[in-house]
C-alpha atoms as a PDB file:
ATOM      1  CA  UNK A   1      39.749  34.000  30.221  1.00  0.00           C
ATOM      2  CA  UNK A   2      36.186  34.903  29.223  1.00  0.00           C
ATOM      3  CA  UNK A   3      33.535  32.279  28.482  1.00  0.00           C
ATOM      4  CA  UNK A   4      33.609  33.250  24.807  1.00  0.00           C
ATOM      5  CA  UNK A   5      37.390  32.801  24.621  1.00  0.00           C
ATOM      6  CA  UNK A   6      37.160  29.387  26.297  1.00  0.00           C
ATOM      7  CA  UNK A   7      34.756  27.998  23.654  1.00  0.00           C
ATOM      8  CA  UNK A   8      36.292  25.470  21.283  1.00  0.00           C
ATOM      9  CA  UNK A   9      35.822  26.051  17.580  1.00  0.00           C
ATOM     10  CA  UNK A  10      34.657  22.826  15.981  1.00  0.00           C
ATOM     11  CA  UNK A  11      35.196  22.587  12.233  1.00  0.00           C
ATOM     12  CA  UNK A  12      34.360  19.850   9.779  1.00  0.00           C
ATOM     13  CA  UNK A  13      37.947  18.628   9.403  1.00  0.00           C
ATOM     14  CA  UNK A  14      39.183  15.528  11.189  1.00  0.00           C
ATOM     15  CA  UNK A  15      42.649  14.080  11.840  1.00  0.00           C
ATOM     16  CA  UNK A  16      42.907  12.608   8.325  1.00  0.00           C
ATOM     17  CA  UNK A  17      41.910  15.688   6.298  1.00  0.00           C
ATOM     18  CA  UNK A  18      45.481  16.861   5.651  1.00  0.00           C
ATOM     19  CA  UNK A  19      47.130  13.453   5.437  1.00  0.00           C
ATOM     20  CA  UNK A  20      46.866  13.264   1.624  1.00  0.00           C
ATOM     21  CA  UNK A  21      45.933  15.261  -1.448  1.00  0.00           C
ATOM     22  CA  UNK A  22      42.959  12.931  -1.928  1.00  0.00           C
ATOM     23  CA  UNK A  23      41.638  13.590   1.561  1.00  0.00           C
ATOM     24  CA  UNK A  24      42.059  17.324   1.072  1.00  0.00           C
ATOM     25  CA  UNK A  25      40.155  17.216  -2.216  1.00  0.00           C
ATOM     26  CA  UNK A  26      37.466  15.032  -0.664  1.00  0.00           C
ATOM     27  CA  UNK A  27      37.034  17.516   2.191  1.00  0.00           C
ATOM     28  CA  UNK A  28      36.786  20.357  -0.322  1.00  0.00           C
ATOM     29  CA  UNK A  29      34.105  18.553  -2.390  1.00  0.00           C
ATOM     30  CA  UNK A  30      32.085  17.510   0.674  1.00  0.00           C
ATOM     31  CA  UNK A  31      32.128  21.078   1.962  1.00  0.00           C
ATOM     32  CA  UNK A  32      30.624  22.321  -1.301  1.00  0.00           C
ATOM     33  CA  UNK A  33      27.973  19.580  -1.328  1.00  0.00           C
ATOM     34  CA  UNK A  34      26.943  20.385   2.239  1.00  0.00           C
ATOM     35  CA  UNK A  35      26.202  23.932   1.148  1.00  0.00           C
ATOM     36  CA  UNK A  36      24.277  23.302  -2.092  1.00  0.00           C
ATOM     37  CA  UNK A  37      22.719  19.824  -1.871  1.00  0.00           C
ATOM     38  CA  UNK A  38      19.403  19.342  -0.033  1.00  0.00           C
ATOM     39  CA  UNK A  39      17.807  15.914   0.216  1.00  0.00           C
ATOM     40  CA  UNK A  40      15.065  15.916   2.873  1.00  0.00           C
ATOM     41  CA  UNK A  41      14.330  17.546   6.214  1.00  0.00           C
ATOM     42  CA  UNK A  42      12.025  17.075   9.202  1.00  0.00           C
ATOM     43  CA  UNK A  43       9.881  20.222   9.240  1.00  0.00           C
ATOM     44  CA  UNK A  44       7.063  21.990  11.118  1.00  0.00           C
ATOM     45  CA  UNK A  45       4.136  23.523   9.214  1.00  0.00           C
ATOM     46  CA  UNK A  46       3.923  27.316   9.694  1.00  0.00           C
ATOM     47  CA  UNK A  47       1.036  28.052   7.314  1.00  0.00           C
ATOM     48  CA  UNK A  48      -1.118  26.143   4.861  1.00  0.00           C
ATOM     49  CA  UNK A  49      -3.282  26.961   1.852  1.00  0.00           C
ATOM     50  CA  UNK A  50      -5.843  24.178   2.286  1.00  0.00           C
ATOM     51  CA  UNK A  51      -8.804  24.332  -0.117  1.00  0.00           C
ATOM     52  CA  UNK A  52     -10.375  21.195   1.380  1.00  0.00           C
ATOM     53  CA  UNK A  53     -12.771  19.401  -0.952  1.00  0.00           C
ATOM     54  CA  UNK A  54     -13.204  22.562  -3.017  1.00  0.00           C
ATOM     55  CA  UNK A  55      -9.978  22.273  -4.977  1.00  0.00           C
ATOM     56  CA  UNK A  56      -6.698  20.422  -5.588  1.00  0.00           C
ATOM     57  CA  UNK A  57      -4.027  20.025  -2.921  1.00  0.00           C
ATOM     58  CA  UNK A  58      -2.442  23.290  -1.787  1.00  0.00           C
ATOM     59  CA  UNK A  59       0.944  24.172  -0.305  1.00  0.00           C
ATOM     60  CA  UNK A  60       2.581  24.836   3.058  1.00  0.00           C
ATOM     61  CA  UNK A  61       5.329  26.975   4.483  1.00  0.00           C
ATOM     62  CA  UNK A  62       7.493  24.924   6.825  1.00  0.00           C
ATOM     63  CA  UNK A  63      10.542  25.413   9.063  1.00  0.00           C
ATOM     64  CA  UNK A  64      13.239  22.713   9.373  1.00  0.00           C
ATOM     65  CA  UNK A  65      13.326  21.286  12.903  1.00  0.00           C
ATOM     66  CA  UNK A  66      17.002  20.267  12.815  1.00  0.00           C
ATOM     67  CA  UNK A  67      18.952  23.509  12.819  1.00  0.00           C
ATOM     68  CA  UNK A  68      22.301  24.358  11.286  1.00  0.00           C
ATOM     69  CA  UNK A  69      25.092  25.226  13.743  1.00  0.00           C
ATOM     70  CA  UNK A  70      27.975  27.662  13.811  1.00  0.00           C
ATOM     71  CA  UNK A  71      31.651  26.810  14.442  1.00  0.00           C
ATOM     72  CA  UNK A  72      30.987  26.752  18.192  1.00  0.00           C
ATOM     73  CA  UNK A  73      28.071  24.337  17.831  1.00  0.00           C
ATOM     74  CA  UNK A  74      25.438  26.963  18.538  1.00  0.00           C
ATOM     75  CA  UNK A  75      22.021  26.546  16.945  1.00  0.00           C
ATOM     76  CA  UNK A  76      21.353  28.969  14.099  1.00  0.00           C
ATOM     77  CA  UNK A  77      17.885  30.421  13.329  1.00  0.00           C
ATOM     78  CA  UNK A  78      16.137  28.576  10.513  1.00  0.00           C
ATOM     79  CA  UNK A  79      14.089  30.301   7.826  1.00  0.00           C
ATOM     80  CA  UNK A  80      10.671  29.008   6.795  1.00  0.00           C
ATOM     81  CA  UNK A  81      10.582  27.311   3.386  1.00  0.00           C
ATOM     82  CA  UNK A  82       7.640  28.758   1.392  1.00  0.00           C
ATOM     83  CA  UNK A  83       5.282  27.175  -1.128  1.00  0.00           C
ATOM     84  CA  UNK A  84       5.966  23.484  -0.596  1.00  0.00           C
ATOM     85  CA  UNK A  85       3.154  21.556  -2.352  1.00  0.00           C
ATOM     86  CA  UNK A  86       1.743  19.003   0.083  1.00  0.00           C
ATOM     87  CA  UNK A  87       0.954  15.415  -0.800  1.00  0.00           C
ATOM     88  CA  UNK A  88      -2.649  14.251  -0.932  1.00  0.00           C
ATOM     89  CA  UNK A  89      -3.693  10.593  -1.270  1.00  0.00           C
ATOM     90  CA  UNK A  90      -5.351  10.782  -4.688  1.00  0.00           C
ATOM     91  CA  UNK A  91      -5.776   8.761  -7.869  1.00  0.00           C
ATOM     92  CA  UNK A  92      -7.658  10.369 -10.744  1.00  0.00           C
ATOM     93  CA  UNK A  93     -10.740  12.109  -9.329  1.00  0.00           C
ATOM     94  CA  UNK A  94     -10.748  10.009  -6.113  1.00  0.00           C
ATOM     95  CA  UNK A  95      -9.023  11.466  -3.051  1.00  0.00           C
ATOM     96  CA  UNK A  96      -8.766  11.348   0.728  1.00  0.00           C
ATOM     97  CA  UNK A  97      -9.027  14.972   1.909  1.00  0.00           C
ATOM     98  CA  UNK A  98      -6.646  15.358   4.849  1.00  0.00           C
ATOM     99  CA  UNK A  99      -4.981  18.756   4.595  1.00  0.00           C
ATOM    100  CA  UNK A 100      -2.122  19.780   6.952  1.00  0.00           C
ATOM    101  CA  UNK A 101      -2.653  22.282   9.777  1.00  0.00           C
ATOM    102  CA  UNK A 102      -0.269  24.702  11.467  1.00  0.00           C
ATOM    103  CA  UNK A 103       1.994  22.870  13.916  1.00  0.00           C
ATOM    104  CA  UNK A 104       2.009  19.541  12.063  1.00  0.00           C
ATOM    105  CA  UNK A 105       5.340  17.797  11.613  1.00  0.00           C
ATOM    106  CA  UNK A 106       6.312  16.043   8.410  1.00  0.00           C
ATOM    107  CA  UNK A 107       9.074  15.560   5.874  1.00  0.00           C
ATOM    108  CA  UNK A 108      10.113  18.020   3.160  1.00  0.00           C
ATOM    109  CA  UNK A 109      11.791  16.343   0.188  1.00  0.00           C
ATOM    110  CA  UNK A 110      13.768  18.293  -2.406  1.00  0.00           C
ATOM    111  CA  UNK A 111      13.978  17.485  -6.098  1.00  0.00           C
ATOM    112  CA  UNK A 112      17.018  17.021  -8.287  1.00  0.00           C
ATOM    113  CA  UNK A 113      16.005  19.786 -10.723  1.00  0.00           C
ATOM    114  CA  UNK A 114      14.067  23.043 -10.769  1.00  0.00           C
ATOM    115  CA  UNK A 115      10.394  21.954 -10.716  1.00  0.00           C
ATOM    116  CA  UNK A 116       8.817  25.416 -10.977  1.00  0.00           C
ATOM    117  CA  UNK A 117       7.494  24.649 -14.479  1.00  0.00           C
ATOM    118  CA  UNK A 118       5.373  21.738 -13.191  1.00  0.00           C
ATOM    119  CA  UNK A 119       2.068  22.532 -11.487  1.00  0.00           C
ATOM    120  CA  UNK A 120      -1.569  21.527 -11.128  1.00  0.00           C
ATOM    121  CA  UNK A 121      -2.818  20.108 -14.416  1.00  0.00           C
ATOM    122  CA  UNK A 122       0.617  19.447 -15.924  1.00  0.00           C
ATOM    123  CA  UNK A 123       0.298  16.328 -18.079  1.00  0.00           C
ATOM    124  CA  UNK A 124       3.766  15.910 -19.634  1.00  0.00           C
ATOM    125  CA  UNK A 125       7.476  16.474 -18.986  1.00  0.00           C
ATOM    126  CA  UNK A 126       8.584  20.116 -18.819  1.00  0.00           C
ATOM    127  CA  UNK A 127      11.948  21.845 -19.154  1.00  0.00           C
ATOM    128  CA  UNK A 128      13.459  22.718 -15.759  1.00  0.00           C
ATOM    129  CA  UNK A 129      12.916  26.343 -14.780  1.00  0.00           C
ATOM    130  CA  UNK A 130      16.639  26.925 -14.183  1.00  0.00           C
ATOM    131  CA  UNK A 131      19.929  25.071 -13.689  1.00  0.00           C
ATOM    132  CA  UNK A 132      19.589  24.799  -9.906  1.00  0.00           C
ATOM    133  CA  UNK A 133      19.718  21.311  -8.348  1.00  0.00           C
ATOM    134  CA  UNK A 134      18.577  19.907  -4.980  1.00  0.00           C
ATOM    135  CA  UNK A 135      17.387  23.346  -3.905  1.00  0.00           C
ATOM    136  CA  UNK A 136      14.937  24.014  -1.082  1.00  0.00           C
ATOM    137  CA  UNK A 137      12.998  26.040  -3.663  1.00  0.00           C
ATOM    138  CA  UNK A 138      12.002  22.766  -5.360  1.00  0.00           C
ATOM    139  CA  UNK A 139      10.358  20.363  -2.983  1.00  0.00           C
ATOM    140  CA  UNK A 140       7.173  18.880  -1.526  1.00  0.00           C
ATOM    141  CA  UNK A 141       5.756  18.228   1.930  1.00  0.00           C
ATOM    142  CA  UNK A 142       4.902  14.691   3.044  1.00  0.00           C
ATOM    143  CA  UNK A 143       2.643  14.863   6.121  1.00  0.00           C
ATOM    144  CA  UNK A 144       2.483  12.906   9.322  1.00  0.00           C
ATOM    145  CA  UNK A 145       5.708  12.396  11.330  1.00  0.00           C
ATOM    146  CA  UNK A 146       5.782  12.474  15.157  1.00  0.00           C
ATOM    147  CA  UNK A 147       2.431  14.276  15.469  1.00  0.00           C
ATOM    148  CA  UNK A 148      -0.003  14.344  18.395  1.00  0.00           C
ATOM    149  CA  UNK A 149      -2.420  11.493  19.167  1.00  0.00           C
ATOM    150  CA  UNK A 150      -5.513  11.816  16.946  1.00  0.00           C
ATOM    151  CA  UNK A 151      -9.085  12.259  18.205  1.00  0.00           C
ATOM    152  CA  UNK A 152     -10.724  11.433  14.865  1.00  0.00           C
ATOM    153  CA  UNK A 153      -9.454   8.546  12.768  1.00  0.00           C
ATOM    154  CA  UNK A 154      -9.986   5.698  10.314  1.00  0.00           C
ATOM    155  CA  UNK A 155      -8.205   2.573  11.546  1.00  0.00           C
ATOM    156  CA  UNK A 156      -7.453  -0.415   9.322  1.00  0.00           C
ATOM    157  CA  UNK A 157      -6.267  -3.339  11.424  1.00  0.00           C
ATOM    158  CA  UNK A 158      -4.508  -6.631  10.773  1.00  0.00           C
ATOM    159  CA  UNK A 159      -7.673  -8.322  12.091  1.00  0.00           C
ATOM    160  CA  UNK A 160      -9.406  -7.428   8.796  1.00  0.00           C
ATOM    161  CA  UNK A 161     -11.544  -4.751  10.471  1.00  0.00           C
ATOM    162  CA  UNK A 162     -12.040  -1.031   9.837  1.00  0.00           C
ATOM    163  CA  UNK A 163     -12.995   1.461  12.557  1.00  0.00           C
ATOM    164  CA  UNK A 164     -14.190   5.023  11.869  1.00  0.00           C
ATOM    165  CA  UNK A 165     -14.111   7.229  14.962  1.00  0.00           C
ATOM    166  CA  UNK A 166     -15.490  10.774  14.809  1.00  0.00           C
ATOM    167  CA  UNK A 167     -16.635  12.358  18.119  1.00  0.00           C
ATOM    168  CA  UNK A 168     -18.592  15.161  16.399  1.00  0.00           C
ATOM    169  CA  UNK A 169     -20.422  13.070  13.806  1.00  0.00           C
ATOM    170  CA  UNK A 170     -20.141  11.048  10.588  1.00  0.00           C
ATOM    171  CA  UNK A 171     -21.907  11.859   7.309  1.00  0.00           C
ATOM    172  CA  UNK A 172     -22.188   9.448   4.375  1.00  0.00           C
ATOM    173  CA  UNK A 173     -23.414  11.283   1.283  1.00  0.00           C
ATOM    174  CA  UNK A 174     -24.207  10.127  -2.245  1.00  0.00           C
ATOM    175  CA  UNK A 175     -26.358  11.350  -5.133  1.00  0.00           C
ATOM    176  CA  UNK A 176     -27.368   7.778  -6.001  1.00  0.00           C
ATOM    177  CA  UNK A 177     -27.821   4.545  -4.043  1.00  0.00           C
ATOM    178  CA  UNK A 178     -26.163   3.743  -0.716  1.00  0.00           C
ATOM    179  CA  UNK A 179     -25.718  -0.008  -0.239  1.00  0.00           C
ATOM    180  CA  UNK A 180     -24.587  -1.851   2.898  1.00  0.00           C
ATOM    181  CA  UNK A 181     -23.861  -5.563   2.433  1.00  0.00           C
ATOM    182  CA  UNK A 182     -23.061  -7.817   5.376  1.00  0.00           C
ATOM    183  CA  UNK A 183     -22.582 -11.570   5.377  1.00  0.00           C
ATOM    184  CA  UNK A 184     -24.178 -11.768   8.822  1.00  0.00           C
ATOM    185  CA  UNK A 185     -25.857  -9.115  11.002  1.00  0.00           C
ATOM    186  CA  UNK A 186     -25.969  -5.319  10.642  1.00  0.00           C
ATOM    187  CA  UNK A 187     -26.177  -3.719  14.085  1.00  0.00           C
ATOM    188  CA  UNK A 188     -27.180  -0.079  14.642  1.00  0.00           C
ATOM    189  CA  UNK A 189     -27.075   1.289  18.191  1.00  0.00           C
ATOM    190  CA  UNK A 190     -28.188   4.842  19.023  1.00  0.00           C
ATOM    191  CA  UNK A 191     -28.173   6.584  22.398  1.00  0.00           C
ATOM    192  CA  UNK A 192     -31.520   8.380  21.943  1.00  0.00           C
ATOM    193  CA  UNK A 193     -33.322   7.490  18.701  1.00  0.00           C
ATOM    194  CA  UNK A 194     -32.838   6.134  15.190  1.00  0.00           C
ATOM    195  CA  UNK A 195     -34.544   8.007  12.345  1.00  0.00           C
ATOM    196  CA  UNK A 196     -35.186   6.772   8.808  1.00  0.00           C
ATOM    197  CA  UNK A 197     -36.711   9.311   6.415  1.00  0.00           C
ATOM    198  CA  UNK A 198     -37.886   8.358   2.916  1.00  0.00           C
ATOM    199  CA  UNK A 199     -41.066   8.628   0.799  1.00  0.00           C
ATOM    200  CA  UNK A 200     -41.318   4.824   0.900  1.00  0.00           C
ATOM    201  CA  UNK A 201     -39.701   2.475   3.441  1.00  0.00           C
ATOM    202  CA  UNK A 202     -39.644  -1.212   2.455  1.00  0.00           C
ATOM    203  CA  UNK A 203     -38.875  -3.946   4.971  1.00  0.00           C
ATOM    204  CA  UNK A 204     -38.117  -7.274   3.313  1.00  0.00           C
ATOM    205  CA  UNK A 205     -38.106  -9.919   6.016  1.00  0.00           C
ATOM    206  CA  UNK A 206     -39.619 -10.767   9.377  1.00  0.00           C
ATOM    207  CA  UNK A 207     -40.065  -7.751  11.699  1.00  0.00           C
ATOM    208  CA  UNK A 208     -39.405  -8.215  15.416  1.00  0.00           C
ATOM    209  CA  UNK A 209     -39.903  -5.337  17.879  1.00  0.00           C
ATOM    210  CA  UNK A 210     -38.920  -5.304  21.539  1.00  0.00           C
ATOM    211  CA  UNK A 211     -37.710  -2.828  24.128  1.00  0.00           C
ATOM    212  CA  UNK A 212     -34.006  -1.951  24.326  1.00  0.00           C
ATOM    213  CA  UNK A 213     -33.666  -4.112  27.451  1.00  0.00           C
ATOM    214  CA  UNK A 214     -35.297  -7.057  25.671  1.00  0.00           C
ATOM    215  CA  UNK A 215     -38.760  -6.672  27.268  1.00  0.00           C
ATOM    216  CA  UNK A 216     -42.102  -5.651  25.826  1.00  0.00           C
ATOM    217  CA  UNK A 217     -42.581  -2.374  23.949  1.00  0.00           C
ATOM    218  CA  UNK A 218     -45.342  -0.412  22.243  1.00  0.00           C
ATOM    219  CA  UNK A 219     -45.285   0.192  18.495  1.00  0.00           C
ATOM    220  CA  UNK A 220     -46.991   3.423  17.409  1.00  0.00           C
ATOM    221  CA  UNK A 221     -48.071   4.142  13.833  1.00  0.00           C
ATOM    222  CA  UNK A 222     -49.276   7.631  12.912  1.00  0.00           C
ATOM    223  CA  UNK A 223     -51.735   7.342  10.055  1.00  0.00           C
ATOM    224  CA  UNK A 224     -53.468   4.366   8.466  1.00  0.00           C
ATOM    225  CA  UNK A 225     -52.039   0.856   8.794  1.00  0.00           C
ATOM    226  CA  UNK A 226     -52.880  -1.441   5.877  1.00  0.00           C
ATOM    227  CA  UNK A 227     -52.108  -5.149   5.872  1.00  0.00           C
ATOM    228  CA  UNK A 228     -52.541  -7.287   2.742  1.00  0.00           C
ATOM    229  CA  UNK A 229     -52.566 -10.426   4.910  1.00  0.00           C
ATOM    230  CA  UNK A 230     -53.985 -11.287   8.327  1.00  0.00           C
ATOM    231  CA  UNK A 231     -52.936  -9.498  11.528  1.00  0.00           C
ATOM    232  CA  UNK A 232     -52.701 -11.389  14.834  1.00  0.00           C
ATOM    233  CA  UNK A 233     -52.778  -9.779  18.296  1.00  0.00           C
ATOM    234  CA  UNK A 234     -52.314 -11.952  21.410  1.00  0.00           C
ATOM    235  CA  UNK A 235     -52.992 -15.044  19.244  1.00  0.00           C
ATOM    236  CA  UNK A 236     -56.327 -13.636  17.983  1.00  0.00           C
ATOM    237  CA  UNK A 237     -56.719 -13.281  14.205  1.00  0.00           C
ATOM    238  CA  UNK A 238     -58.025  -9.952  12.930  1.00  0.00           C
ATOM    239  CA  UNK A 239     -59.326 -11.564   9.736  1.00  0.00           C
ATOM    240  CA  UNK A 240     -60.817 -14.807  11.041  1.00  0.00           C
ATOM    241  CA  UNK A 241     -61.721 -14.217  14.694  1.00  0.00           C
ATOM    242  CA  UNK A 242     -65.178 -14.909  16.181  1.00  0.00           C
ATOM    243  CA  UNK A 243     -67.115 -13.153  18.955  1.00  0.00           C
ATOM    244  CA  UNK A 244     -68.784 -14.453  22.093  1.00  0.00           C
ATOM    245  CA  UNK A 245     -72.216 -13.445  23.360  1.00  0.00           C
ATOM    246  CA  UNK A 246     -73.783 -12.931  19.962  1.00  0.00           C
ATOM    247  CA  UNK A 247     -77.576 -12.292  20.222  1.00  0.00           C
ATOM    248  CA  UNK A 248     -80.040 -11.143  17.616  1.00  0.00           C
ATOM    249  CA  UNK A 249     -80.919  -7.493  17.743  1.00  0.00           C
ATOM    250  CA  UNK A 250     -78.998  -4.293  18.309  1.00  0.00           C
ATOM    251  CA  UNK A 251     -76.737  -5.481  21.158  1.00  0.00           C
ATOM    252  CA  UNK A 252     -72.940  -5.409  21.030  1.00  0.00           C
ATOM    253  CA  UNK A 253     -70.890  -8.528  20.682  1.00  0.00           C
ATOM    254  CA  UNK A 254     -68.523  -9.847  23.309  1.00  0.00           C
ATOM    255  CA  UNK A 255     -64.748  -9.975  23.139  1.00  0.00           C
ATOM    256  CA  UNK A 256     -63.155 -11.404  19.983  1.00  0.00           C
ATOM    257  CA  UNK A 257     -61.620 -14.870  20.236  1.00  0.00           C
END
């Protein structure tokens, strides 16, 4: 007997299928539903139209990761489902731009009715495009299931903290004011230097300068330094200090004190 002849054909019927007319009818109905009704599927992204911040959310083509089988239990090839709109976290004009990439895994959900008449900018209910129901032609992609460990992330913890981790850099951009409020300290640590560029820089509060290791450092100002109040260096007042060794004539004074 060949290997093919020894394979057991496994159908969908069980021992109770033919025990009553009801069970037979139930088997018949379930068989039809298995063929025409789609609910959701774990899928892999094959391609993505991702406009980024330049447009609304795009769509993906995705292949189901749980395959159909034949009567012998063999895995059947699965076709890619095209033009699945992907979900973006958005409310009004505010959005988190996190578009899918090829290889991502997520969930495809399929709608009860033909949704082809609903698209970007639709503001009210539309007639279904056809009489089809629960078809893979009408669905959406929900990202983020069983994917790889991230290297860039925003983490919101149960300790009431938020961490933003981006190995290649972080940019905060606004056309108006940028405000940072902290109930206690604001700490900025840079590996090489910290640059602040503005036509006017205002410091409201006491200014303390020391080396990174806590020791002494040298402060350098390029240009003119103006002080509206007194300046003290090594406990000697610039405004009220006196000089030693003062003599009439053209001689120089001694050190200030």
